[in-house]
Amino acid sequence: MVLDLPRDVVSVPLCRQVLDRCLATLGVAPDTRADIALALSEACANVIQHAGPGEEYEVQVTTRNRRCVIEVVNSGTLDIRNGEGRPDGFALTDEPVPAAAEHGRGLKIIDAVVDNLRLSSDQGHGTTVHFEKTLEWLPGAVGQHLFNAAGD
């Protein structure tokens, strides 16, 4: 599934709800869907708040091998530099975020609820937040049957 969305706050719940309905139809367990929804919301909010020029962003979702793979891609660069010149919030360090900080928790939240988080930037041509989550199925889930039948 690919969604091209405007950089507008109303796109976040819309995107989250579309993906959640798709995953529910496949029979993905509610706890897994909640983790994916939280990570997707944080990634989309990051683009809306911090991306440079560009009026749209893209959300790409694939499911295979019992995994949901999501990429949130913006066409500009993320403009979230701190005084040291590294992307603020993009550094996944073990350092805690200060209690009074207004920003910097999003990627830590994503990292806490997904199995794999990667960030990449293409020198002014866009930034991608890539994350994966292992799918847990409800008993008798149609998605589990489809994936097993296809050998995925």
C-alpha atoms as a PDB file:
ATOM      1  CA  MET A   1       0.000   0.000   0.000  1.00  0.00           C
ATOM      2  CA  VAL A   2       1.306   3.475  -0.842  1.00  0.00           C
ATOM      3  CA  LEU A   3      -0.267   6.697   0.394  1.00  0.00           C
ATOM      4  CA  ASP A   4       0.789  10.117  -0.896  1.00  0.00           C
ATOM      5  CA  LEU A   5      -0.302  12.560   1.772  1.00  0.00           C
ATOM      6  CA  PRO A   6      -0.268  16.313   2.288  1.00  0.00           C
ATOM      7  CA  ARG A   7       1.994  17.586   5.071  1.00  0.00           C
ATOM      8  CA  ASP A   8      -0.981  18.411   7.231  1.00  0.00           C
ATOM      9  CA  VAL A   9      -1.760  17.209  10.748  1.00  0.00           C
ATOM     10  CA  VAL A  10      -5.088  15.696   9.638  1.00  0.00           C
ATOM     11  CA  SER A  11      -3.176  13.219   7.473  1.00  0.00           C
ATOM     12  CA  VAL A  12      -1.729  11.463  10.542  1.00  0.00           C
ATOM     13  CA  PRO A  13      -4.936   9.955  11.955  1.00  0.00           C
ATOM     14  CA  LEU A  14      -6.193   9.254   8.435  1.00  0.00           C
ATOM     15  CA  CYS A  15      -3.053   7.293   7.546  1.00  0.00           C
ATOM     16  CA  ARG A  16      -3.082   5.473  10.894  1.00  0.00           C
ATOM     17  CA  GLN A  17      -6.747   4.477  10.511  1.00  0.00           C
ATOM     18  CA  VAL A  18      -6.351   3.252   6.913  1.00  0.00           C
ATOM     19  CA  LEU A  19      -3.424   1.032   7.886  1.00  0.00           C
ATOM     20  CA  ASP A  20      -5.144  -0.208  11.042  1.00  0.00           C
ATOM     21  CA  ARG A  21      -8.247  -1.250   9.073  1.00  0.00           C
ATOM     22  CA  CYS A  22      -6.075  -3.132   6.568  1.00  0.00           C
ATOM     23  CA  LEU A  23      -4.207  -4.936   9.347  1.00  0.00           C
ATOM     24  CA  ALA A  24      -7.456  -5.713  11.193  1.00  0.00           C
ATOM     25  CA  THR A  25      -8.908  -7.204   8.002  1.00  0.00           C
ATOM     26  CA  LEU A  26      -5.851  -9.466   7.728  1.00  0.00           C
ATOM     27  CA  GLY A  27      -6.366 -10.558  11.356  1.00  0.00           C
ATOM     28  CA  VAL A  28      -3.353  -8.918  12.980  1.00  0.00           C
ATOM     29  CA  ALA A  29      -3.585  -8.971  16.795  1.00  0.00           C
ATOM     30  CA  PRO A  30      -4.733  -5.713  18.445  1.00  0.00           C
ATOM     31  CA  ASP A  31      -1.514  -5.233  20.486  1.00  0.00           C
ATOM     32  CA  THR A  32       0.610  -5.502  17.336  1.00  0.00           C
ATOM     33  CA  ARG A  33      -1.685  -3.077  15.494  1.00  0.00           C
ATOM     34  CA  ALA A  34      -1.425  -0.627  18.408  1.00  0.00           C
ATOM     35  CA  ASP A  35       2.395  -0.702  18.284  1.00  0.00           C
ATOM     36  CA  ILE A  36       2.347  -0.124  14.530  1.00  0.00           C
ATOM     37  CA  ALA A  37      -0.163   2.725  14.878  1.00  0.00           C
ATOM     38  CA  LEU A  38       1.966   4.433  17.540  1.00  0.00           C
ATOM     39  CA  ALA A  39       5.167   4.115  15.481  1.00  0.00           C
ATOM     40  CA  LEU A  40       3.422   5.336  12.319  1.00  0.00           C
ATOM     41  CA  SER A  41       1.929   8.330  14.143  1.00  0.00           C
ATOM     42  CA  GLU A  42       5.326   9.347  15.504  1.00  0.00           C
ATOM     43  CA  ALA A  43       7.037   8.972  12.108  1.00  0.00           C
ATOM     44  CA  CYS A  44       4.353  10.992  10.305  1.00  0.00           C
ATOM     45  CA  ALA A  45       4.330  13.688  12.986  1.00  0.00           C
ATOM     46  CA  ASN A  46       8.121  13.951  12.645  1.00  0.00           C
ATOM     47  CA  VAL A  47       7.778  14.666   8.920  1.00  0.00           C
ATOM     48  CA  ILE A  48       4.992  17.186   9.413  1.00  0.00           C
ATOM     49  CA  GLN A  49       6.850  19.082  12.143  1.00  0.00           C
ATOM     50  CA  HIS A  50      10.430  18.919  10.945  1.00  0.00           C
ATOM     51  CA  ALA A  51      10.667  18.311   7.196  1.00  0.00           C
ATOM     52  CA  GLY A  52      12.070  21.012   4.973  1.00  0.00           C
ATOM     53  CA  PRO A  53      10.503  22.121   1.685  1.00  0.00           C
ATOM     54  CA  GLY A  54       7.845  19.883   0.200  1.00  0.00           C
ATOM     55  CA  GLU A  55       4.119  19.794   0.536  1.00  0.00           C
ATOM     56  CA  GLU A  56       3.687  16.024   0.539  1.00  0.00           C
ATOM     57  CA  TYR A  57       5.095  12.889   2.080  1.00  0.00           C
ATOM     58  CA  GLU A  58       4.664   9.224   1.273  1.00  0.00           C
ATOM     59  CA  VAL A  59       3.875   6.205   3.412  1.00  0.00           C
ATOM     60  CA  GLN A  60       4.791   2.811   1.930  1.00  0.00           C
ATOM     61  CA  VAL A  61       3.592  -0.382   3.634  1.00  0.00           C
ATOM     62  CA  THR A  62       4.372  -3.973   2.719  1.00  0.00           C
ATOM     63  CA  THR A  63       3.655  -7.216   4.534  1.00  0.00           C
ATOM     64  CA  ARG A  64       5.619 -10.396   3.936  1.00  0.00           C
ATOM     65  CA  ASN A  65       7.423 -13.065   5.910  1.00  0.00           C
ATOM     66  CA  ARG A  66       5.225 -12.312   8.959  1.00  0.00           C
ATOM     67  CA  ARG A  67       6.516  -8.727   9.003  1.00  0.00           C
ATOM     68  CA  CYS A  68       4.954  -5.358   8.350  1.00  0.00           C
ATOM     69  CA  VAL A  69       7.504  -3.004   6.777  1.00  0.00           C
ATOM     70  CA  ILE A  70       6.750   0.712   6.770  1.00  0.00           C
ATOM     71  CA  GLU A  71       8.647   3.592   5.215  1.00  0.00           C
ATOM     72  CA  VAL A  72       7.695   7.215   5.763  1.00  0.00           C
ATOM     73  CA  VAL A  73       9.423   9.293   3.116  1.00  0.00           C
ATOM     74  CA  ASN A  74       9.539  13.058   2.831  1.00  0.00           C
ATOM     75  CA  SER A  75      10.815  14.848  -0.238  1.00  0.00           C
ATOM     76  CA  GLY A  76      12.797  17.477   1.656  1.00  0.00           C
ATOM     77  CA  THR A  77      15.429  17.189   4.325  1.00  0.00           C
ATOM     78  CA  LEU A  78      14.576  17.133   7.988  1.00  0.00           C
ATOM     79  CA  ASP A  79      15.467  20.461   9.516  1.00  0.00           C
ATOM     80  CA  ILE A  80      16.071  19.424  13.118  1.00  0.00           C
ATOM     81  CA  ARG A  81      19.702  20.278  13.809  1.00  0.00           C
ATOM     82  CA  ASN A  82      21.050  20.847  17.271  1.00  0.00           C
ATOM     83  CA  GLY A  83      24.148  22.787  18.239  1.00  0.00           C
ATOM     84  CA  GLU A  84      26.474  19.854  17.512  1.00  0.00           C
ATOM     85  CA  GLY A  85      25.355  19.519  13.888  1.00  0.00           C
ATOM     86  CA  ARG A  86      23.779  16.099  14.236  1.00  0.00           C
ATOM     87  CA  PRO A  87      20.085  15.523  13.569  1.00  0.00           C
ATOM     88  CA  ASP A  88      18.335  16.144  16.868  1.00  0.00           C
ATOM     89  CA  GLY A  89      15.983  13.271  17.547  1.00  0.00           C
ATOM     90  CA  PHE A  90      17.613  11.134  14.850  1.00  0.00           C
ATOM     91  CA  ALA A  91      20.380  10.050  17.177  1.00  0.00           C
ATOM     92  CA  LEU A  92      19.188   6.936  18.955  1.00  0.00           C
ATOM     93  CA  THR A  93      21.448   7.203  21.950  1.00  0.00           C
ATOM     94  CA  ASP A  94      20.962   5.723  25.389  1.00  0.00           C
ATOM     95  CA  GLU A  95      20.848   9.231  26.823  1.00  0.00           C
ATOM     96  CA  PRO A  96      17.462  10.068  28.332  1.00  0.00           C
ATOM     97  CA  VAL A  97      15.465  12.928  26.866  1.00  0.00           C
ATOM     98  CA  PRO A  98      15.296  15.793  29.384  1.00  0.00           C
ATOM     99  CA  ALA A  99      11.936  15.902  31.170  1.00  0.00           C
ATOM    100  CA  ALA A 100      11.230  19.472  30.009  1.00  0.00           C
ATOM    101  CA  ALA A 101      12.215  18.833  26.357  1.00  0.00           C
ATOM    102  CA  GLU A 102       9.552  19.678  23.788  1.00  0.00           C
ATOM    103  CA  HIS A 103      11.000  17.336  21.145  1.00  0.00           C
ATOM    104  CA  GLY A 104      13.231  14.295  20.830  1.00  0.00           C
ATOM    105  CA  ARG A 105      11.005  11.474  22.044  1.00  0.00           C
ATOM    106  CA  GLY A 106       9.469  10.339  18.745  1.00  0.00           C
ATOM    107  CA  LEU A 107      12.258   8.126  17.465  1.00  0.00           C
ATOM    108  CA  LYS A 108      12.839   6.648  20.914  1.00  0.00           C
ATOM    109  CA  ILE A 109       9.146   5.751  21.055  1.00  0.00           C
ATOM    110  CA  ILE A 110       9.283   4.155  17.594  1.00  0.00           C
ATOM    111  CA  ASP A 111      12.429   2.238  18.510  1.00  0.00           C
ATOM    112  CA  ALA A 112      10.766   0.928  21.686  1.00  0.00           C
ATOM    113  CA  VAL A 113       7.733  -0.577  19.912  1.00  0.00           C
ATOM    114  CA  VAL A 114       9.160  -1.948  16.631  1.00  0.00           C
ATOM    115  CA  ASP A 115      11.677  -4.646  15.760  1.00  0.00           C
ATOM    116  CA  ASN A 116      13.893  -2.676  13.415  1.00  0.00           C
ATOM    117  CA  LEU A 117      14.293   1.093  12.920  1.00  0.00           C
ATOM    118  CA  ARG A 118      16.541   2.682  10.302  1.00  0.00           C
ATOM    119  CA  LEU A 119      16.887   6.262   9.157  1.00  0.00           C
ATOM    120  CA  SER A 120      18.376   7.382   5.891  1.00  0.00           C
ATOM    121  CA  SER A 121      18.805  10.651   4.063  1.00  0.00           C
ATOM    122  CA  ASP A 122      19.623  11.255   0.428  1.00  0.00           C
ATOM    123  CA  GLN A 123      21.578  14.543   0.528  1.00  0.00           C
ATOM    124  CA  GLY A 124      18.699  16.967   0.100  1.00  0.00           C
ATOM    125  CA  HIS A 125      16.456  14.577  -1.829  1.00  0.00           C
ATOM    126  CA  GLY A 126      14.533  13.196   1.081  1.00  0.00           C
ATOM    127  CA  THR A 127      14.625  11.405   4.394  1.00  0.00           C
ATOM    128  CA  THR A 128      13.205   7.944   5.058  1.00  0.00           C
ATOM    129  CA  VAL A 129      12.109   6.506   8.391  1.00  0.00           C
ATOM    130  CA  HIS A 130      12.043   2.717   7.901  1.00  0.00           C
ATOM    131  CA  PHE A 131      10.664   0.382  10.555  1.00  0.00           C
ATOM    132  CA  GLU A 132       9.489  -3.202  10.790  1.00  0.00           C
ATOM    133  CA  LYS A 133       7.225  -5.104  13.129  1.00  0.00           C
ATOM    134  CA  THR A 134       6.683  -8.853  13.393  1.00  0.00           C
ATOM    135  CA  LEU A 135       3.003  -9.625  12.885  1.00  0.00           C
ATOM    136  CA  GLU A 136       1.141 -11.557  15.557  1.00  0.00           C
ATOM    137  CA  TRP A 137      -2.081 -13.106  14.293  1.00  0.00           C
ATOM    138  CA  LEU A 138      -5.480 -13.723  15.813  1.00  0.00           C
ATOM    139  CA  PRO A 139      -6.569 -17.385  15.705  1.00  0.00           C
ATOM    140  CA  GLY A 140      -7.793 -18.258  12.197  1.00  0.00           C
ATOM    141  CA  ALA A 141      -6.559 -14.979  10.696  1.00  0.00           C
ATOM    142  CA  VAL A 142      -7.007 -14.741   6.948  1.00  0.00           C
ATOM    143  CA  GLY A 143      -3.637 -12.974   6.648  1.00  0.00           C
ATOM    144  CA  GLN A 144      -1.824 -15.868   8.255  1.00  0.00           C
ATOM    145  CA  HIS A 145      -3.516 -18.263   5.835  1.00  0.00           C
ATOM    146  CA  LEU A 146      -2.652 -16.071   2.828  1.00  0.00           C
ATOM    147  CA  PHE A 147       0.990 -15.754   3.835  1.00  0.00           C
ATOM    148  CA  ASN A 148       1.325 -19.501   4.496  1.00  0.00           C
ATOM    149  CA  ALA A 149      -0.367 -20.344   1.165  1.00  0.00           C
ATOM    150  CA  ALA A 150       1.987 -18.037  -0.744  1.00  0.00           C
ATOM    151  CA  GLY A 151       5.060 -19.402   0.998  1.00  0.00           C
ATOM    152  CA  ASP A 152       5.831 -16.021   2.585  1.00  0.00           C
END
